[in-house]
Structure formats: structure tokens, C-alpha cells
Amino acid sequence: MNSPEKQRGKLLYGKVVSVAMNKVAVIDIERSKTHRLYGKSYKVNHRIKARNEISGIEIGNMVYIRETRPRSSQVHFEIIKVEKE
């Protein structure tokens, strides 16, 4: 497998928060934003559903996900690399 940086599509890094669905995992993406007027930094969380073809993924693992074609109405990403915690 190539390194995740050399692949096409939007690449995100997040934490697995649910693996209850069949071949789908929920990933929590956290990023920091800065308020336009006040300049204060704050965190924003997004939960994204991603296709899970890799076995052995557990809650709490950090994963790389990549944008892909729509797999269902809510699944538009796939897990490409797992970093065990």
C-alpha cells in the first residue's frame, strides 16, 4: 500500500468512535478554528461515516480516511490506514 499522502481525494485523520455497523465505522475529526472577530481558538468536531474493509479496528484507534465515491447516502469516505493506539 502506498503512503496515505500520495493518494487522491481529501485526506483526514481522526479517532474511531463506533464500529457497531456492518463494514462502516464512525470517525471523529477534530480541528481548531480561529474566531474572525475575537481571534480566540476553539475546537470543532465532525463525525464522519467511513467504509471499513480492514479487520481489527477498535474504538479509540487513530485512522486516516480518504474521500471516495458515495457508498451509500451517508458514507463518502473509506479507511485507508490504521495507527494502533
PDB file of N, CA and C in Angstrom:
ATOM      1  N   MET A   1       0.842  -1.179   0.000  1.00  0.00           N
ATOM      2  CA  MET A   1       0.000   0.000   0.000  1.00  0.00           C
ATOM      3  C   MET A   1       0.887   1.241   0.000  1.00  0.00           C
ATOM      4  N   ASN A   2       0.498   2.232  -0.775  1.00  0.00           N
ATOM      5  CA  ASN A   2       1.245   3.482  -0.807  1.00  0.00           C
ATOM      6  C   ASN A   2       0.999   4.261   0.470  1.00  0.00           C
ATOM      7  N   SER A   3       1.846   5.249   0.709  1.00  0.00           N
ATOM      8  CA  SER A   3       1.630   6.094   1.880  1.00  0.00           C
ATOM      9  C   SER A   3       0.357   6.912   1.676  1.00  0.00           C
ATOM     10  N   PRO A   4      -0.345   7.249   2.755  1.00  0.00           N
ATOM     11  CA  PRO A   4      -1.625   7.948   2.613  1.00  0.00           C
ATOM     12  C   PRO A   4      -1.498   9.311   1.946  1.00  0.00           C
ATOM     13  N   GLU A   5      -0.327   9.937   1.975  1.00  0.00           N
ATOM     14  CA  GLU A   5      -0.179  11.276   1.427  1.00  0.00           C
ATOM     15  C   GLU A   5      -0.188  11.285  -0.099  1.00  0.00           C
ATOM     16  N   LYS A   6       0.091  10.143  -0.751  1.00  0.00           N
ATOM     17  CA  LYS A   6       0.215  10.112  -2.202  1.00  0.00           C
ATOM     18  C   LYS A   6      -1.077   9.734  -2.901  1.00  0.00           C
ATOM     19  N   GLN A   7      -2.178   9.598  -2.188  1.00  0.00           N
ATOM     20  CA  GLN A   7      -3.421   9.162  -2.769  1.00  0.00           C
ATOM     21  C   GLN A   7      -4.317  10.351  -3.075  1.00  0.00           C
ATOM     22  N   ARG A   8      -5.235  10.164  -3.995  1.00  0.00           N
ATOM     23  CA  ARG A   8      -6.130  11.243  -4.404  1.00  0.00           C
ATOM     24  C   ARG A   8      -7.292  11.384  -3.434  1.00  0.00           C
ATOM     25  N   GLY A   9      -7.918  12.553  -3.473  1.00  0.00           N
ATOM     26  CA  GLY A   9      -9.077  12.808  -2.639  1.00  0.00           C
ATOM     27  C   GLY A   9      -8.675  13.460  -1.326  1.00  0.00           C
ATOM     28  N   LYS A  10      -9.667  13.978  -0.643  1.00  0.00           N
ATOM     29  CA  LYS A  10      -9.439  14.636   0.634  1.00  0.00           C
ATOM     30  C   LYS A  10      -8.982  13.609   1.661  1.00  0.00           C
ATOM     31  N   LEU A  11      -7.905  13.918   2.376  1.00  0.00           N
ATOM     32  CA  LEU A  11      -7.341  13.013   3.367  1.00  0.00           C
ATOM     33  C   LEU A  11      -7.545  13.610   4.752  1.00  0.00           C
ATOM     34  N   LEU A  12      -8.155  12.846   5.658  1.00  0.00           N
ATOM     35  CA  LEU A  12      -8.434  13.308   7.010  1.00  0.00           C
ATOM     36  C   LEU A  12      -7.888  12.315   8.017  1.00  0.00           C
ATOM     37  N   TYR A  13      -7.672  12.788   9.241  1.00  0.00           N
ATOM     38  CA  TYR A  13      -7.121  11.975  10.318  1.00  0.00           C
ATOM     39  C   TYR A  13      -8.051  12.112  11.509  1.00  0.00           C
ATOM     40  N   GLY A  14      -8.471  10.985  12.086  1.00  0.00           N
ATOM     41  CA  GLY A  14      -9.393  11.070  13.207  1.00  0.00           C
ATOM     42  C   GLY A  14      -9.400   9.824  14.055  1.00  0.00           C
ATOM     43  N   LYS A  15     -10.290   9.832  15.033  1.00  0.00           N
ATOM     44  CA  LYS A  15     -10.391   8.777  16.027  1.00  0.00           C
ATOM     45  C   LYS A  15     -11.674   7.982  15.812  1.00  0.00           C
ATOM     46  N   VAL A  16     -11.576   6.656  15.908  1.00  0.00           N
ATOM     47  CA  VAL A  16     -12.741   5.790  15.746  1.00  0.00           C
ATOM     48  C   VAL A  16     -13.593   5.876  17.014  1.00  0.00           C
ATOM     49  N   VAL A  17     -14.888   6.186  16.841  1.00  0.00           N
ATOM     50  CA  VAL A  17     -15.780   6.284  17.992  1.00  0.00           C
ATOM     51  C   VAL A  17     -16.868   5.214  17.980  1.00  0.00           C
ATOM     52  N   SER A  18     -17.083   4.535  16.836  1.00  0.00           N
ATOM     53  CA  SER A  18     -18.089   3.476  16.790  1.00  0.00           C
ATOM     54  C   SER A  18     -17.768   2.512  15.659  1.00  0.00           C
ATOM     55  N   VAL A  19     -17.947   1.223  15.925  1.00  0.00           N
ATOM     56  CA  VAL A  19     -17.799   0.187  14.900  1.00  0.00           C
ATOM     57  C   VAL A  19     -19.003  -0.747  14.924  1.00  0.00           C
ATOM     58  N   ALA A  20     -20.159  -0.249  15.341  1.00  0.00           N
ATOM     59  CA  ALA A  20     -21.333  -1.076  15.533  1.00  0.00           C
ATOM     60  C   ALA A  20     -21.993  -1.487  14.219  1.00  0.00           C
ATOM     61  N   MET A  21     -21.809  -0.730  13.156  1.00  0.00           N
ATOM     62  CA  MET A  21     -22.456  -1.034  11.875  1.00  0.00           C
ATOM     63  C   MET A  21     -21.620  -2.011  11.065  1.00  0.00           C
ATOM     64  N   ASN A  22     -22.267  -2.669  10.125  1.00  0.00           N
ATOM     65  CA  ASN A  22     -21.603  -3.653   9.284  1.00  0.00           C
ATOM     66  C   ASN A  22     -20.771  -2.940   8.211  1.00  0.00           C
ATOM     67  N   LYS A  23     -19.437  -3.091   8.244  1.00  0.00           N
ATOM     68  CA  LYS A  23     -18.483  -2.510   7.309  1.00  0.00           C
ATOM     69  C   LYS A  23     -18.477  -0.981   7.304  1.00  0.00           C
ATOM     70  N   VAL A  24     -18.952  -0.361   8.369  1.00  0.00           N
ATOM     71  CA  VAL A  24     -18.928   1.100   8.484  1.00  0.00           C
ATOM     72  C   VAL A  24     -18.447   1.466   9.882  1.00  0.00           C
ATOM     73  N   ALA A  25     -17.557   2.450   9.955  1.00  0.00           N
ATOM     74  CA  ALA A  25     -17.080   2.961  11.235  1.00  0.00           C
ATOM     75  C   ALA A  25     -17.358   4.460  11.284  1.00  0.00           C
ATOM     76  N   VAL A  26     -17.592   4.972  12.484  1.00  0.00           N
ATOM     77  CA  VAL A  26     -17.799   6.404  12.666  1.00  0.00           C
ATOM     78  C   VAL A  26     -16.490   6.989  13.179  1.00  0.00           C
ATOM     79  N   ILE A  27     -16.006   8.022  12.485  1.00  0.00           N
ATOM     80  CA  ILE A  27     -14.733   8.648  12.792  1.00  0.00           C
ATOM     81  C   ILE A  27     -14.995  10.075  13.259  1.00  0.00           C
ATOM     82  N   ASP A  28     -14.351  10.470  14.366  1.00  0.00           N
ATOM     83  CA  ASP A  28     -14.480  11.822  14.900  1.00  0.00           C
ATOM     84  C   ASP A  28     -13.267  12.634  14.449  1.00  0.00           C
ATOM     85  N   ILE A  29     -13.516  13.658  13.637  1.00  0.00           N
ATOM     86  CA  ILE A  29     -12.469  14.529  13.126  1.00  0.00           C
ATOM     87  C   ILE A  29     -12.484  15.801  13.952  1.00  0.00           C
ATOM     88  N   GLU A  30     -11.337  16.164  14.530  1.00  0.00           N
ATOM     89  CA  GLU A  30     -11.242  17.368  15.353  1.00  0.00           C
ATOM     90  C   GLU A  30     -10.260  18.342  14.711  1.00  0.00           C
ATOM     91  N   ARG A  31     -10.678  19.599  14.584  1.00  0.00           N
ATOM     92  CA  ARG A  31      -9.778  20.622  14.075  1.00  0.00           C
ATOM     93  C   ARG A  31     -10.005  21.904  14.854  1.00  0.00           C
ATOM     94  N   SER A  32      -9.050  22.799  14.799  1.00  0.00           N
ATOM     95  CA  SER A  32      -9.191  24.052  15.527  1.00  0.00           C
ATOM     96  C   SER A  32      -9.432  25.186  14.540  1.00  0.00           C
ATOM     97  N   LYS A  33     -10.307  26.089  14.929  1.00  0.00           N
ATOM     98  CA  LYS A  33     -10.621  27.263  14.140  1.00  0.00           C
ATOM     99  C   LYS A  33     -10.321  28.499  14.974  1.00  0.00           C
ATOM    100  N   THR A  34     -10.191  29.616  14.316  1.00  0.00           N
ATOM    101  CA  THR A  34      -9.979  30.879  14.990  1.00  0.00           C
ATOM    102  C   THR A  34     -11.166  31.791  14.703  1.00  0.00           C
ATOM    103  N   HIS A  35     -11.691  32.399  15.743  1.00  0.00           N
ATOM    104  CA  HIS A  35     -12.818  33.306  15.586  1.00  0.00           C
ATOM    105  C   HIS A  35     -12.375  34.522  14.771  1.00  0.00           C
ATOM    106  N   ARG A  36     -13.202  34.928  13.797  1.00  0.00           N
ATOM    107  CA  ARG A  36     -12.802  36.013  12.898  1.00  0.00           C
ATOM    108  C   ARG A  36     -12.649  37.345  13.615  1.00  0.00           C
ATOM    109  N   LEU A  37     -13.548  37.644  14.539  1.00  0.00           N
ATOM    110  CA  LEU A  37     -13.523  38.947  15.196  1.00  0.00           C
ATOM    111  C   LEU A  37     -12.623  38.956  16.429  1.00  0.00           C
ATOM    112  N   TYR A  38     -12.758  37.942  17.276  1.00  0.00           N
ATOM    113  CA  TYR A  38     -12.075  37.961  18.570  1.00  0.00           C
ATOM    114  C   TYR A  38     -10.724  37.247  18.573  1.00  0.00           C
ATOM    115  N   GLY A  39     -10.440  36.438  17.566  1.00  0.00           N
ATOM    116  CA  GLY A  39      -9.141  35.785  17.470  1.00  0.00           C
ATOM    117  C   GLY A  39      -8.956  34.600  18.400  1.00  0.00           C
ATOM    118  N   LYS A  40      -9.996  34.185  19.106  1.00  0.00           N
ATOM    119  CA  LYS A  40      -9.887  33.058  20.033  1.00  0.00           C
ATOM    120  C   LYS A  40      -9.948  31.745  19.253  1.00  0.00           C
ATOM    121  N   SER A  41      -9.107  30.789  19.652  1.00  0.00           N
ATOM    122  CA  SER A  41      -9.115  29.465  19.039  1.00  0.00           C
ATOM    123  C   SER A  41     -10.123  28.587  19.750  1.00  0.00           C
ATOM    124  N   TYR A  42     -10.817  27.764  18.962  1.00  0.00           N
ATOM    125  CA  TYR A  42     -11.753  26.803  19.536  1.00  0.00           C
ATOM    126  C   TYR A  42     -11.767  25.555  18.665  1.00  0.00           C
ATOM    127  N   LYS A  43     -12.214  24.451  19.241  1.00  0.00           N
ATOM    128  CA  LYS A  43     -12.201  23.174  18.553  1.00  0.00           C
ATOM    129  C   LYS A  43     -13.564  22.887  17.935  1.00  0.00           C
ATOM    130  N   VAL A  44     -13.529  22.267  16.759  1.00  0.00           N
ATOM    131  CA  VAL A  44     -14.737  21.873  16.058  1.00  0.00           C
ATOM    132  C   VAL A  44     -14.629  20.384  15.771  1.00  0.00           C
ATOM    133  N   ASN A  45     -15.657  19.610  16.103  1.00  0.00           N
ATOM    134  CA  ASN A  45     -15.677  18.166  15.857  1.00  0.00           C
ATOM    135  C   ASN A  45     -16.674  17.837  14.757  1.00  0.00           C
ATOM    136  N   HIS A  46     -16.293  16.910  13.886  1.00  0.00           N
ATOM    137  CA  HIS A  46     -17.182  16.387  12.854  1.00  0.00           C
ATOM    138  C   HIS A  46     -17.151  14.876  12.956  1.00  0.00           C
ATOM    139  N   ARG A  47     -18.304  14.254  12.871  1.00  0.00           N
ATOM    140  CA  ARG A  47     -18.372  12.789  12.858  1.00  0.00           C
ATOM    141  C   ARG A  47     -18.689  12.347  11.447  1.00  0.00           C
ATOM    142  N   ILE A  48     -17.804  11.516  10.906  1.00  0.00           N
ATOM    143  CA  ILE A  48     -17.914  11.078   9.525  1.00  0.00           C
ATOM    144  C   ILE A  48     -18.015   9.563   9.502  1.00  0.00           C
ATOM    145  N   LYS A  49     -18.933   9.049   8.676  1.00  0.00           N
ATOM    146  CA  LYS A  49     -19.055   7.605   8.496  1.00  0.00           C
ATOM    147  C   LYS A  49     -18.144   7.188   7.356  1.00  0.00           C
ATOM    148  N   ALA A  50     -17.339   6.137   7.598  1.00  0.00           N
ATOM    149  CA  ALA A  50     -16.361   5.686   6.616  1.00  0.00           C
ATOM    150  C   ALA A  50     -16.467   4.180   6.413  1.00  0.00           C
ATOM    151  N   ARG A  51     -16.230   3.750   5.183  1.00  0.00           N
ATOM    152  CA  ARG A  51     -16.236   2.335   4.834  1.00  0.00           C
ATOM    153  C   ARG A  51     -15.070   1.647   5.538  1.00  0.00           C
ATOM    154  N   ASN A  52     -15.338   0.504   6.175  1.00  0.00           N
ATOM    155  CA  ASN A  52     -14.332  -0.209   6.955  1.00  0.00           C
ATOM    156  C   ASN A  52     -14.104  -1.590   6.356  1.00  0.00           C
ATOM    157  N   GLU A  53     -13.073  -1.722   5.528  1.00  0.00           N
ATOM    158  CA  GLU A  53     -12.712  -3.016   4.939  1.00  0.00           C
ATOM    159  C   GLU A  53     -11.602  -3.697   5.740  1.00  0.00           C
ATOM    160  N   ILE A  54     -10.994  -2.998   6.685  1.00  0.00           N
ATOM    161  CA  ILE A  54      -9.862  -3.514   7.451  1.00  0.00           C
ATOM    162  C   ILE A  54     -10.373  -4.187   8.713  1.00  0.00           C
ATOM    163  N   SER A  55      -9.915  -5.399   8.979  1.00  0.00           N
ATOM    164  CA  SER A  55     -10.346  -6.097  10.187  1.00  0.00           C
ATOM    165  C   SER A  55      -9.486  -5.674  11.369  1.00  0.00           C
ATOM    166  N   GLY A  56     -10.041  -5.762  12.558  1.00  0.00           N
ATOM    167  CA  GLY A  56      -9.283  -5.454  13.761  1.00  0.00           C
ATOM    168  C   GLY A  56      -9.339  -4.010  14.200  1.00  0.00           C
ATOM    169  N   ILE A  57     -10.209  -3.225  13.618  1.00  0.00           N
ATOM    170  CA  ILE A  57     -10.333  -1.829  14.041  1.00  0.00           C
ATOM    171  C   ILE A  57     -11.172  -1.779  15.307  1.00  0.00           C
ATOM    172  N   GLU A  58     -10.681  -1.049  16.295  1.00  0.00           N
ATOM    173  CA  GLU A  58     -11.371  -0.926  17.577  1.00  0.00           C
ATOM    174  C   GLU A  58     -11.635   0.535  17.889  1.00  0.00           C
ATOM    175  N   ILE A  59     -12.517   0.757  18.839  1.00  0.00           N
ATOM    176  CA  ILE A  59     -12.816   2.107  19.289  1.00  0.00           C
ATOM    177  C   ILE A  59     -11.558   2.692  19.926  1.00  0.00           C
ATOM    178  N   GLY A  60     -11.227   3.922  19.564  1.00  0.00           N
ATOM    179  CA  GLY A  60     -10.046   4.585  20.091  1.00  0.00           C
ATOM    180  C   GLY A  60      -8.863   4.581  19.150  1.00  0.00           C
ATOM    181  N   ASN A  61      -8.884   3.756  18.094  1.00  0.00           N
ATOM    182  CA  ASN A  61      -7.794   3.756  17.120  1.00  0.00           C
ATOM    183  C   ASN A  61      -7.793   5.059  16.335  1.00  0.00           C
ATOM    184  N   MET A  62      -6.611   5.521  15.977  1.00  0.00           N
ATOM    185  CA  MET A  62      -6.481   6.690  15.112  1.00  0.00           C
ATOM    186  C   MET A  62      -6.319   6.184  13.682  1.00  0.00           C
ATOM    187  N   VAL A  63      -7.089   6.764  12.754  1.00  0.00           N
ATOM    188  CA  VAL A  63      -7.108   6.280  11.372  1.00  0.00           C
ATOM    189  C   VAL A  63      -6.998   7.438  10.390  1.00  0.00           C
ATOM    190  N   TYR A  64      -6.506   7.109   9.194  1.00  0.00           N
ATOM    191  CA  TYR A  64      -6.556   8.016   8.064  1.00  0.00           C
ATOM    192  C   TYR A  64      -7.731   7.600   7.204  1.00  0.00           C
ATOM    193  N   ILE A  65      -8.541   8.578   6.766  1.00  0.00           N
ATOM    194  CA  ILE A  65      -9.646   8.277   5.866  1.00  0.00           C
ATOM    195  C   ILE A  65      -9.498   9.136   4.620  1.00  0.00           C
ATOM    196  N   ARG A  66     -10.002   8.604   3.511  1.00  0.00           N
ATOM    197  CA  ARG A  66      -9.901   9.290   2.227  1.00  0.00           C
ATOM    198  C   ARG A  66     -11.277   9.394   1.601  1.00  0.00           C
ATOM    199  N   GLU A  67     -11.531  10.515   0.944  1.00  0.00           N
ATOM    200  CA  GLU A  67     -12.788  10.720   0.243  1.00  0.00           C
ATOM    201  C   GLU A  67     -12.870   9.768  -0.938  1.00  0.00           C
ATOM    202  N   THR A  68     -14.045   9.206  -1.162  1.00  0.00           N
ATOM    203  CA  THR A  68     -14.242   8.256  -2.243  1.00  0.00           C
ATOM    204  C   THR A  68     -15.630   8.456  -2.841  1.00  0.00           C
ATOM    205  N   ARG A  69     -15.989   7.618  -3.775  1.00  0.00           N
ATOM    206  CA  ARG A  69     -17.327   7.725  -4.355  1.00  0.00           C
ATOM    207  C   ARG A  69     -18.359   7.387  -3.290  1.00  0.00           C
ATOM    208  N   PRO A  70     -19.591   7.864  -3.437  1.00  0.00           N
ATOM    209  CA  PRO A  70     -20.609   7.554  -2.434  1.00  0.00           C
ATOM    210  C   PRO A  70     -20.893   6.055  -2.367  1.00  0.00           C
ATOM    211  N   ARG A  71     -20.757   5.483  -1.177  1.00  0.00           N
ATOM    212  CA  ARG A  71     -21.058   4.072  -0.968  1.00  0.00           C
ATOM    213  C   ARG A  71     -22.506   3.891  -0.551  1.00  0.00           C
ATOM    214  N   SER A  72     -23.069   4.893   0.111  1.00  0.00           N
ATOM    215  CA  SER A  72     -24.484   4.913   0.488  1.00  0.00           C
ATOM    216  C   SER A  72     -24.859   6.375   0.666  1.00  0.00           C
ATOM    217  N   SER A  73     -26.011   6.643   1.233  1.00  0.00           N
ATOM    218  CA  SER A  73     -26.448   8.032   1.356  1.00  0.00           C
ATOM    219  C   SER A  73     -25.600   8.828   2.339  1.00  0.00           C
ATOM    220  N   GLN A  74     -24.935   8.166   3.285  1.00  0.00           N
ATOM    221  CA  GLN A  74     -24.148   8.872   4.286  1.00  0.00           C
ATOM    222  C   GLN A  74     -22.668   8.517   4.274  1.00  0.00           C
ATOM    223  N   VAL A  75     -22.268   7.512   3.534  1.00  0.00           N
ATOM    224  CA  VAL A  75     -20.880   7.049   3.550  1.00  0.00           C
ATOM    225  C   VAL A  75     -20.175   7.522   2.282  1.00  0.00           C
ATOM    226  N   HIS A  76     -19.196   8.453   2.439  1.00  0.00           N
ATOM    227  CA  HIS A  76     -18.449   9.004   1.317  1.00  0.00           C
ATOM    228  C   HIS A  76     -16.942   8.920   1.539  1.00  0.00           C
ATOM    229  N   PHE A  77     -16.504   8.214   2.572  1.00  0.00           N
ATOM    230  CA  PHE A  77     -15.093   8.082   2.891  1.00  0.00           C
ATOM    231  C   PHE A  77     -14.756   6.618   3.096  1.00  0.00           C
ATOM    232  N   GLU A  78     -13.466   6.277   3.022  1.00  0.00           N
ATOM    233  CA  GLU A  78     -13.008   4.923   3.310  1.00  0.00           C
ATOM    234  C   GLU A  78     -11.760   5.003   4.171  1.00  0.00           C
ATOM    235  N   ILE A  79     -11.608   4.013   5.046  1.00  0.00           N
ATOM    236  CA  ILE A  79     -10.429   3.943   5.911  1.00  0.00           C
ATOM    237  C   ILE A  79      -9.289   3.357   5.095  1.00  0.00           C
ATOM    238  N   ILE A  80      -8.130   4.060   5.101  1.00  0.00           N
ATOM    239  CA  ILE A  80      -7.007   3.575   4.304  1.00  0.00           C
ATOM    240  C   ILE A  80      -5.816   3.155   5.144  1.00  0.00           C
ATOM    241  N   LYS A  81      -5.704   3.668   6.378  1.00  0.00           N
ATOM    242  CA  LYS A  81      -4.575   3.283   7.220  1.00  0.00           C
ATOM    243  C   LYS A  81      -4.973   3.403   8.680  1.00  0.00           C
ATOM    244  N   VAL A  82      -4.529   2.433   9.486  1.00  0.00           N
ATOM    245  CA  VAL A  82      -4.846   2.419  10.913  1.00  0.00           C
ATOM    246  C   VAL A  82      -3.560   2.587  11.700  1.00  0.00           C
ATOM    247  N   GLU A  83      -3.594   3.478  12.673  1.00  0.00           N
ATOM    248  CA  GLU A  83      -2.494   3.613  13.625  1.00  0.00           C
ATOM    249  C   GLU A  83      -3.011   3.132  14.966  1.00  0.00           C
ATOM    250  N   LYS A  84      -2.529   2.004  15.398  1.00  0.00           N
ATOM    251  CA  LYS A  84      -2.991   1.408  16.659  1.00  0.00           C
ATOM    252  C   LYS A  84      -2.602   2.306  17.825  1.00  0.00           C
ATOM    253  N   GLU A  85      -3.457   2.365  18.829  1.00  0.00           N
ATOM    254  CA  GLU A  85      -3.171   3.196  19.996  1.00  0.00           C
ATOM    255  C   GLU A  85      -2.894   2.362  21.198  1.00  0.00           C
TER     256      GLU A  85
END
